[in-house]
Protein backbone atom coordinates (compact mmCIF):
# COMPACT_ATOMS: atom_id res chain seq x y z
CA MET A 1 -31.56 51.69 40.04
CA ALA A 2 -30.09 54.79 38.42
CA THR A 3 -26.99 54.50 40.59
CA VAL A 4 -26.43 50.88 39.59
CA LEU A 5 -26.83 51.78 35.94
CA ARG A 6 -24.45 54.70 36.27
CA ASN A 7 -21.83 52.50 37.93
CA LEU A 8 -22.21 49.94 35.18
CA LEU A 9 -21.83 52.59 32.49
CA THR A 10 -18.74 53.97 34.20
CA VAL A 11 -17.09 50.55 34.19
CA VAL A 12 -17.97 50.02 30.53
CA PHE A 13 -16.75 53.50 29.62
CA LEU A 14 -13.45 53.03 31.44
CA ARG A 15 -12.83 49.71 29.70
CA VAL A 16 -13.65 51.09 26.27
CA PHE A 17 -11.65 54.23 26.93
CA SER A 18 -8.56 52.27 27.93
CA PHE A 19 -8.79 50.41 24.63
CA HIS A 20 -9.55 53.23 22.24
CA PRO A 21 -10.42 56.87 23.05
CA LEU A 22 -12.50 57.30 19.89
CA SER A 23 -14.71 54.36 20.81
CA PHE A 24 -15.37 56.08 24.11
CA TYR A 25 -16.65 59.19 22.38
CA TYR A 26 -18.79 57.16 19.99
CA SER A 27 -20.40 55.17 22.80
CA LEU A 28 -20.99 58.38 24.71
CA MET A 29 -22.76 59.93 21.72
CA ILE A 30 -24.87 56.81 21.19
CA LEU A 31 -25.81 56.59 24.87
CA THR A 32 -26.82 60.24 25.07
CA LYS A 33 -29.28 59.54 22.26
CA PHE A 34 -30.83 56.47 23.87
CA LEU A 35 -30.66 57.26 27.57
CA PRO A 36 -32.40 60.06 29.45
CA TYR A 37 -29.90 62.86 29.88
CA PRO A 38 -30.11 63.12 33.73
CA LEU A 39 -28.77 59.57 34.00
CA LEU A 40 -25.39 60.66 32.70
CA HIS A 41 -24.98 63.48 35.19
């Protein structure tokens, strides 16, 4: 389950990042607050 979630997040991050780098950082900050930290690593 964690792998599926991580793949999903990677796709979302790549799409957001290609649009606007700042949005990528904002989503990353928001996600680190809501998600358990090990999921992102």
